[in-house]
Amino acid sequence: MFNEAIIIPVIMAVIEILKGVGLPKKFGALAALVLGIVIGIFFLDQPQIKLRIFQGVIYGLSASGLYSGAKNAIEEVRMRRK
């Protein structure tokens, strides 16, 4: 039903929008996890709800980890240039 290849970037984009409208940065990872679970429950085609929730958790954690990793890499490059 839903192309799973775009779930992680969609979660990242939604979290960035939420941060732009006032979500504190410290809640970004939690919001990504919750959003991943919601997407898993309502948009994935797994036959069992447990599998959809588990996949949603994986997508949410992946999105928050990908954002964090990219942010840390950019900060490291900036520090080395100085």
PDB file of N, CA and C in Angstrom:
ATOM      1  N   MET A   1       0.813  -1.196   0.000  1.00  0.00           N
ATOM      2  CA  MET A   1       0.000   0.000   0.000  1.00  0.00           C
ATOM      3  C   MET A   1       0.861   1.265   0.000  1.00  0.00           C
ATOM      4  N   PHE A   2       1.927   1.262   0.750  1.00  0.00           N
ATOM      5  CA  PHE A   2       2.764   2.446   0.933  1.00  0.00           C
ATOM      6  C   PHE A   2       4.186   2.062   0.570  1.00  0.00           C
ATOM      7  N   ASN A   3       4.851   2.853  -0.262  1.00  0.00           N
ATOM      8  CA  ASN A   3       6.217   2.553  -0.651  1.00  0.00           C
ATOM      9  C   ASN A   3       7.136   2.757   0.551  1.00  0.00           C
ATOM     10  N   GLU A   4       7.654   1.673   1.073  1.00  0.00           N
ATOM     11  CA  GLU A   4       8.437   1.730   2.309  1.00  0.00           C
ATOM     12  C   GLU A   4       9.782   2.427   2.142  1.00  0.00           C
ATOM     13  N   ALA A   5      10.231   2.622   0.926  1.00  0.00           N
ATOM     14  CA  ALA A   5      11.524   3.278   0.712  1.00  0.00           C
ATOM     15  C   ALA A   5      11.497   4.756   1.085  1.00  0.00           C
ATOM     16  N   ILE A   6      10.321   5.349   1.151  1.00  0.00           N
ATOM     17  CA  ILE A   6      10.255   6.775   1.448  1.00  0.00           C
ATOM     18  C   ILE A   6       9.838   7.080   2.883  1.00  0.00           C
ATOM     19  N   ILE A   7       9.612   6.067   3.688  1.00  0.00           N
ATOM     20  CA  ILE A   7       9.109   6.310   5.041  1.00  0.00           C
ATOM     21  C   ILE A   7      10.107   7.093   5.893  1.00  0.00           C
ATOM     22  N   ILE A   8      11.361   6.690   5.895  1.00  0.00           N
ATOM     23  CA  ILE A   8      12.353   7.362   6.741  1.00  0.00           C
ATOM     24  C   ILE A   8      12.539   8.829   6.341  1.00  0.00           C
ATOM     25  N   PRO A   9      12.711   9.146   5.048  1.00  0.00           N
ATOM     26  CA  PRO A   9      12.808  10.577   4.702  1.00  0.00           C
ATOM     27  C   PRO A   9      11.538  11.363   5.032  1.00  0.00           C
ATOM     28  N   VAL A  10      10.381  10.740   4.908  1.00  0.00           N
ATOM     29  CA  VAL A  10       9.135  11.421   5.255  1.00  0.00           C
ATOM     30  C   VAL A  10       9.102  11.727   6.756  1.00  0.00           C
ATOM     31  N   ILE A  11       9.498  10.766   7.568  1.00  0.00           N
ATOM     32  CA  ILE A  11       9.539  10.996   9.017  1.00  0.00           C
ATOM     33  C   ILE A  11      10.509  12.134   9.334  1.00  0.00           C
ATOM     34  N   MET A  12      11.670  12.114   8.709  1.00  0.00           N
ATOM     35  CA  MET A  12      12.650  13.175   8.958  1.00  0.00           C
ATOM     36  C   MET A  12      12.089  14.540   8.569  1.00  0.00           C
ATOM     37  N   ALA A  13      11.414  14.604   7.432  1.00  0.00           N
ATOM     38  CA  ALA A  13      10.852  15.873   6.970  1.00  0.00           C
ATOM     39  C   ALA A  13       9.763  16.374   7.918  1.00  0.00           C
ATOM     40  N   VAL A  14       8.895  15.490   8.357  1.00  0.00           N
ATOM     41  CA  VAL A  14       7.821  15.892   9.273  1.00  0.00           C
ATOM     42  C   VAL A  14       8.404  16.391  10.593  1.00  0.00           C
ATOM     43  N   ILE A  15       9.424  15.727  11.083  1.00  0.00           N
ATOM     44  CA  ILE A  15      10.047  16.161  12.338  1.00  0.00           C
ATOM     45  C   ILE A  15      10.685  17.538  12.169  1.00  0.00           C
ATOM     46  N   GLU A  16      11.325  17.779  11.041  1.00  0.00           N
ATOM     47  CA  GLU A  16      11.913  19.097  10.798  1.00  0.00           C
ATOM     48  C   GLU A  16      10.833  20.174  10.740  1.00  0.00           C
ATOM     49  N   ILE A  17       9.707  19.858  10.127  1.00  0.00           N
ATOM     50  CA  ILE A  17       8.590  20.811  10.087  1.00  0.00           C
ATOM     51  C   ILE A  17       8.090  21.081  11.503  1.00  0.00           C
ATOM     52  N   LEU A  18       7.940  20.012  12.286  1.00  0.00           N
ATOM     53  CA  LEU A  18       7.480  20.185  13.672  1.00  0.00           C
ATOM     54  C   LEU A  18       8.452  21.034  14.483  1.00  0.00           C
ATOM     55  N   LYS A  19       9.745  20.834  14.265  1.00  0.00           N
ATOM     56  CA  LYS A  19      10.736  21.657  14.966  1.00  0.00           C
ATOM     57  C   LYS A  19      10.629  23.109  14.537  1.00  0.00           C
ATOM     58  N   GLY A  20      10.324  23.311  13.259  1.00  0.00           N
ATOM     59  CA  GLY A  20      10.178  24.672  12.748  1.00  0.00           C
ATOM     60  C   GLY A  20       8.981  25.412  13.329  1.00  0.00           C
ATOM     61  N   VAL A  21       7.967  24.666  13.751  1.00  0.00           N
ATOM     62  CA  VAL A  21       6.782  25.308  14.326  1.00  0.00           C
ATOM     63  C   VAL A  21       6.764  25.255  15.842  1.00  0.00           C
ATOM     64  N   GLY A  22       7.899  24.862  16.447  1.00  0.00           N
ATOM     65  CA  GLY A  22       7.991  24.986  17.885  1.00  0.00           C
ATOM     66  C   GLY A  22       8.266  23.733  18.695  1.00  0.00           C
ATOM     67  N   LEU A  23       8.379  22.576  18.076  1.00  0.00           N
ATOM     68  CA  LEU A  23       8.711  21.364  18.834  1.00  0.00           C
ATOM     69  C   LEU A  23      10.130  21.497  19.381  1.00  0.00           C
ATOM     70  N   PRO A  24      10.313  21.358  20.689  1.00  0.00           N
ATOM     71  CA  PRO A  24      11.679  21.414  21.231  1.00  0.00           C
ATOM     72  C   PRO A  24      12.551  20.312  20.635  1.00  0.00           C
ATOM     73  N   LYS A  25      13.801  20.655  20.344  1.00  0.00           N
ATOM     74  CA  LYS A  25      14.716  19.708  19.699  1.00  0.00           C
ATOM     75  C   LYS A  25      14.886  18.424  20.495  1.00  0.00           C
ATOM     76  N   LYS A  26      14.814  18.513  21.808  1.00  0.00           N
ATOM     77  CA  LYS A  26      15.033  17.324  22.624  1.00  0.00           C
ATOM     78  C   LYS A  26      13.925  16.289  22.447  1.00  0.00           C
ATOM     79  N   PHE A  27      12.783  16.684  21.908  1.00  0.00           N
ATOM     80  CA  PHE A  27      11.687  15.748  21.678  1.00  0.00           C
ATOM     81  C   PHE A  27      11.646  15.212  20.248  1.00  0.00           C
ATOM     82  N   GLY A  28      12.618  15.583  19.435  1.00  0.00           N
ATOM     83  CA  GLY A  28      12.641  15.149  18.043  1.00  0.00           C
ATOM     84  C   GLY A  28      12.711  13.641  17.887  1.00  0.00           C
ATOM     85  N   ALA A  29      13.576  12.990  18.651  1.00  0.00           N
ATOM     86  CA  ALA A  29      13.719  11.537  18.544  1.00  0.00           C
ATOM     87  C   ALA A  29      12.450  10.820  19.001  1.00  0.00           C
ATOM     88  N   LEU A  30      11.851  11.304  20.067  1.00  0.00           N
ATOM     89  CA  LEU A  30      10.610  10.707  20.554  1.00  0.00           C
ATOM     90  C   LEU A  30       9.486  10.895  19.535  1.00  0.00           C
ATOM     91  N   ALA A  31       9.407  12.074  18.956  1.00  0.00           N
ATOM     92  CA  ALA A  31       8.382  12.331  17.942  1.00  0.00           C
ATOM     93  C   ALA A  31       8.596  11.443  16.711  1.00  0.00           C
ATOM     94  N   ALA A  32       9.850  11.221  16.325  1.00  0.00           N
ATOM     95  CA  ALA A  32      10.142  10.343  15.196  1.00  0.00           C
ATOM     96  C   ALA A  32       9.703   8.915  15.497  1.00  0.00           C
ATOM     97  N   LEU A  33       9.945   8.467  16.712  1.00  0.00           N
ATOM     98  CA  LEU A  33       9.538   7.121  17.113  1.00  0.00           C
ATOM     99  C   LEU A  33       8.016   6.983  17.073  1.00  0.00           C
ATOM    100  N   VAL A  34       7.316   7.945  17.639  1.00  0.00           N
ATOM    101  CA  VAL A  34       5.848   7.903  17.653  1.00  0.00           C
ATOM    102  C   VAL A  34       5.303   7.953  16.230  1.00  0.00           C
ATOM    103  N   LEU A  35       5.861   8.831  15.416  1.00  0.00           N
ATOM    104  CA  LEU A  35       5.409   8.931  14.027  1.00  0.00           C
ATOM    105  C   LEU A  35       5.679   7.634  13.266  1.00  0.00           C
ATOM    106  N   GLY A  36       6.823   7.019  13.513  1.00  0.00           N
ATOM    107  CA  GLY A  36       7.128   5.735  12.881  1.00  0.00           C
ATOM    108  C   GLY A  36       6.123   4.661  13.265  1.00  0.00           C
ATOM    109  N   ILE A  37       5.757   4.620  14.528  1.00  0.00           N
ATOM    110  CA  ILE A  37       4.765   3.641  14.988  1.00  0.00           C
ATOM    111  C   ILE A  37       3.409   3.900  14.343  1.00  0.00           C
ATOM    112  N   VAL A  38       3.005   5.162  14.292  1.00  0.00           N
ATOM    113  CA  VAL A  38       1.717   5.504  13.674  1.00  0.00           C
ATOM    114  C   VAL A  38       1.708   5.118  12.197  1.00  0.00           C
ATOM    115  N   ILE A  39       2.782   5.427  11.497  1.00  0.00           N
ATOM    116  CA  ILE A  39       2.873   5.038  10.085  1.00  0.00           C
ATOM    117  C   ILE A  39       2.843   3.527   9.956  1.00  0.00           C
ATOM    118  N   GLY A  40       3.558   2.844  10.841  1.00  0.00           N
ATOM    119  CA  GLY A  40       3.564   1.387  10.799  1.00  0.00           C
ATOM    120  C   GLY A  40       2.184   0.793  10.994  1.00  0.00           C
ATOM    121  N   ILE A  41       1.438   1.313  11.929  1.00  0.00           N
ATOM    122  CA  ILE A  41       0.102   0.776  12.223  1.00  0.00           C
ATOM    123  C   ILE A  41      -0.857   1.013  11.063  1.00  0.00           C
ATOM    124  N   PHE A  42      -0.848   2.215  10.509  1.00  0.00           N
ATOM    125  CA  PHE A  42      -1.877   2.578   9.544  1.00  0.00           C
ATOM    126  C   PHE A  42      -1.499   2.399   8.076  1.00  0.00           C
ATOM    127  N   PHE A  43      -0.208   2.349   7.757  1.00  0.00           N
ATOM    128  CA  PHE A  43       0.167   2.363   6.348  1.00  0.00           C
ATOM    129  C   PHE A  43       0.963   1.161   5.859  1.00  0.00           C
ATOM    130  N   LEU A  44       1.361   0.259   6.725  1.00  0.00           N
ATOM    131  CA  LEU A  44       2.131  -0.901   6.280  1.00  0.00           C
ATOM    132  C   LEU A  44       1.210  -2.089   6.044  1.00  0.00           C
ATOM    133  N   ASP A  45       1.662  -3.001   5.205  1.00  0.00           N
ATOM    134  CA  ASP A  45       0.827  -4.125   4.790  1.00  0.00           C
ATOM    135  C   ASP A  45       1.088  -5.423   5.546  1.00  0.00           C
ATOM    136  N   GLN A  46       1.750  -5.377   6.661  1.00  0.00           N
ATOM    137  CA  GLN A  46       2.010  -6.600   7.420  1.00  0.00           C
ATOM    138  C   GLN A  46       0.690  -7.164   7.954  1.00  0.00           C
ATOM    139  N   PRO A  47       0.572  -8.482   7.999  1.00  0.00           N
ATOM    140  CA  PRO A  47      -0.692  -9.078   8.450  1.00  0.00           C
ATOM    141  C   PRO A  47      -0.948  -8.926   9.955  1.00  0.00           C
ATOM    142  N   GLN A  48       0.100  -8.851  10.741  1.00  0.00           N
ATOM    143  CA  GLN A  48      -0.077  -8.757  12.196  1.00  0.00           C
ATOM    144  C   GLN A  48       0.270  -7.357  12.694  1.00  0.00           C
ATOM    145  N   ILE A  49      -0.499  -6.872  13.633  1.00  0.00           N
ATOM    146  CA  ILE A  49      -0.274  -5.542  14.190  1.00  0.00           C
ATOM    147  C   ILE A  49       1.083  -5.450  14.879  1.00  0.00           C
ATOM    148  N   LYS A  50       1.532  -6.543  15.495  1.00  0.00           N
ATOM    149  CA  LYS A  50       2.841  -6.537  16.164  1.00  0.00           C
ATOM    150  C   LYS A  50       3.963  -6.253  15.172  1.00  0.00           C
ATOM    151  N   LEU A  51       3.876  -6.842  13.999  1.00  0.00           N
ATOM    152  CA  LEU A  51       4.900  -6.620  12.977  1.00  0.00           C
ATOM    153  C   LEU A  51       4.862  -5.195  12.455  1.00  0.00           C
ATOM    154  N   ARG A  52       3.672  -4.638  12.307  1.00  0.00           N
ATOM    155  CA  ARG A  52       3.566  -3.254  11.836  1.00  0.00           C
ATOM    156  C   ARG A  52       4.140  -2.292  12.871  1.00  0.00           C
ATOM    157  N   ILE A  53       3.849  -2.533  14.131  1.00  0.00           N
ATOM    158  CA  ILE A  53       4.407  -1.682  15.196  1.00  0.00           C
ATOM    159  C   ILE A  53       5.923  -1.808  15.240  1.00  0.00           C
ATOM    160  N   PHE A  54       6.417  -3.037  15.141  1.00  0.00           N
ATOM    161  CA  PHE A  54       7.863  -3.265  15.176  1.00  0.00           C
ATOM    162  C   PHE A  54       8.555  -2.559  14.006  1.00  0.00           C
ATOM    163  N   GLN A  55       7.986  -2.679  12.814  1.00  0.00           N
ATOM    164  CA  GLN A  55       8.569  -1.989  11.663  1.00  0.00           C
ATOM    165  C   GLN A  55       8.513  -0.482  11.856  1.00  0.00           C
ATOM    166  N   GLY A  56       7.419   0.011  12.423  1.00  0.00           N
ATOM    167  CA  GLY A  56       7.317   1.441  12.687  1.00  0.00           C
ATOM    168  C   GLY A  56       8.378   1.927  13.659  1.00  0.00           C
ATOM    169  N   VAL A  57       8.640   1.125  14.684  1.00  0.00           N
ATOM    170  CA  VAL A  57       9.705   1.456  15.632  1.00  0.00           C
ATOM    171  C   VAL A  57      11.052   1.531  14.911  1.00  0.00           C
ATOM    172  N   ILE A  58      11.305   0.569  14.057  1.00  0.00           N
ATOM    173  CA  ILE A  58      12.566   0.560  13.303  1.00  0.00           C
ATOM    174  C   ILE A  58      12.679   1.798  12.425  1.00  0.00           C
ATOM    175  N   TYR A  59      11.603   2.158  11.733  1.00  0.00           N
ATOM    176  CA  TYR A  59      11.639   3.345  10.874  1.00  0.00           C
ATOM    177  C   TYR A  59      11.836   4.620  11.689  1.00  0.00           C
ATOM    178  N   GLY A  60      11.145   4.733  12.812  1.00  0.00           N
ATOM    179  CA  GLY A  60      11.288   5.923  13.647  1.00  0.00           C
ATOM    180  C   GLY A  60      12.682   6.067  14.214  1.00  0.00           C
ATOM    181  N   LEU A  61      13.229   4.970  14.717  1.00  0.00           N
ATOM    182  CA  LEU A  61      14.586   5.020  15.260  1.00  0.00           C
ATOM    183  C   LEU A  61      15.619   5.269  14.166  1.00  0.00           C
ATOM    184  N   SER A  62      15.395   4.690  13.000  1.00  0.00           N
ATOM    185  CA  SER A  62      16.305   4.919  11.877  1.00  0.00           C
ATOM    186  C   SER A  62      16.291   6.383  11.460  1.00  0.00           C
ATOM    187  N   ALA A  63      15.103   6.968  11.391  1.00  0.00           N
ATOM    188  CA  ALA A  63      15.002   8.379  11.004  1.00  0.00           C
ATOM    189  C   ALA A  63      15.705   9.279  12.005  1.00  0.00           C
ATOM    190  N   SER A  64      15.516   9.031  13.283  1.00  0.00           N
ATOM    191  CA  SER A  64      16.169   9.880  14.280  1.00  0.00           C
ATOM    192  C   SER A  64      17.677   9.643  14.293  1.00  0.00           C
ATOM    193  N   GLY A  65      18.109   8.423  14.098  1.00  0.00           N
ATOM    194  CA  GLY A  65      19.541   8.120  14.050  1.00  0.00           C
ATOM    195  C   GLY A  65      20.213   8.683  12.821  1.00  0.00           C
ATOM    196  N   LEU A  66      19.524   8.644  11.688  1.00  0.00           N
ATOM    197  CA  LEU A  66      20.068   9.187  10.453  1.00  0.00           C
ATOM    198  C   LEU A  66      20.239  10.692  10.576  1.00  0.00           C
ATOM    199  N   TYR A  67      19.249  11.354  11.151  1.00  0.00           N
ATOM    200  CA  TYR A  67      19.337  12.797  11.355  1.00  0.00           C
ATOM    201  C   TYR A  67      20.491  13.131  12.299  1.00  0.00           C
ATOM    202  N   SER A  68      20.580  12.400  13.391  1.00  0.00           N
ATOM    203  CA  SER A  68      21.623  12.652  14.383  1.00  0.00           C
ATOM    204  C   SER A  68      23.007  12.410  13.793  1.00  0.00           C
ATOM    205  N   GLY A  69      23.152  11.337  13.040  1.00  0.00           N
ATOM    206  CA  GLY A  69      24.444  11.021  12.431  1.00  0.00           C
ATOM    207  C   GLY A  69      24.874  12.076  11.427  1.00  0.00           C
ATOM    208  N   ALA A  70      23.940  12.521  10.599  1.00  0.00           N
ATOM    209  CA  ALA A  70      24.261  13.554   9.615  1.00  0.00           C
ATOM    210  C   ALA A  70      24.608  14.868  10.294  1.00  0.00           C
ATOM    211  N   LYS A  71      23.869  15.208  11.332  1.00  0.00           N
ATOM    212  CA  LYS A  71      24.129  16.441  12.078  1.00  0.00           C
ATOM    213  C   LYS A  71      25.525  16.403  12.703  1.00  0.00           C
ATOM    214  N   ASN A  72      25.878  15.278  13.312  1.00  0.00           N
ATOM    215  CA  ASN A  72      27.202  15.146  13.930  1.00  0.00           C
ATOM    216  C   ASN A  72      28.313  15.213  12.897  1.00  0.00           C
ATOM    217  N   ALA A  73      28.096  14.615  11.735  1.00  0.00           N
ATOM    218  CA  ALA A  73      29.109  14.653  10.675  1.00  0.00           C
ATOM    219  C   ALA A  73      29.320  16.077  10.180  1.00  0.00           C
ATOM    220  N   ILE A  74      28.246  16.827  10.008  1.00  0.00           N
ATOM    221  CA  ILE A  74      28.359  18.211   9.555  1.00  0.00           C
ATOM    222  C   ILE A  74      29.084  19.055  10.597  1.00  0.00           C
ATOM    223  N   GLU A  75      28.768  18.861  11.857  1.00  0.00           N
ATOM    224  CA  GLU A  75      29.442  19.607  12.920  1.00  0.00           C
ATOM    225  C   GLU A  75      30.930  19.286  12.965  1.00  0.00           C
ATOM    226  N   GLU A  76      31.279  18.026  12.740  1.00  0.00           N
ATOM    227  CA  GLU A  76      32.690  17.626  12.739  1.00  0.00           C
ATOM    228  C   GLU A  76      33.438  18.285  11.589  1.00  0.00           C
ATOM    229  N   VAL A  77      32.835  18.336  10.415  1.00  0.00           N
ATOM    230  CA  VAL A  77      33.475  18.981   9.260  1.00  0.00           C
ATOM    231  C   VAL A  77      33.672  20.465   9.546  1.00  0.00           C
ATOM    232  N   ARG A  78      32.693  21.103  10.132  1.00  0.00           N
ATOM    233  CA  ARG A  78      32.818  22.537  10.460  1.00  0.00           C
ATOM    234  C   ARG A  78      33.921  22.777  11.467  1.00  0.00           C
ATOM    235  N   MET A  79      34.047  21.915  12.459  1.00  0.00           N
ATOM    236  CA  MET A  79      35.097  22.069  13.474  1.00  0.00           C
ATOM    237  C   MET A  79      36.477  21.891  12.867  1.00  0.00           C
ATOM    238  N   ARG A  80      36.620  20.981  11.931  1.00  0.00           N
ATOM    239  CA  ARG A  80      37.941  20.749  11.315  1.00  0.00           C
ATOM    240  C   ARG A  80      38.358  21.896  10.410  1.00  0.00           C
ATOM    241  N   ARG A  81      37.395  22.560   9.820  1.00  0.00           N
ATOM    242  CA  ARG A  81      37.712  23.696   8.946  1.00  0.00           C
ATOM    243  C   ARG A  81      38.227  24.878   9.734  1.00  0.00           C
ATOM    244  N   LYS A  82      37.817  24.990  10.992  1.00  0.00           N
ATOM    245  CA  LYS A  82      38.263  26.126  11.833  1.00  0.00           C
ATOM    246  C   LYS A  82      39.610  25.843  12.349  1.00  0.00           C
TER     247      LYS A  82
END
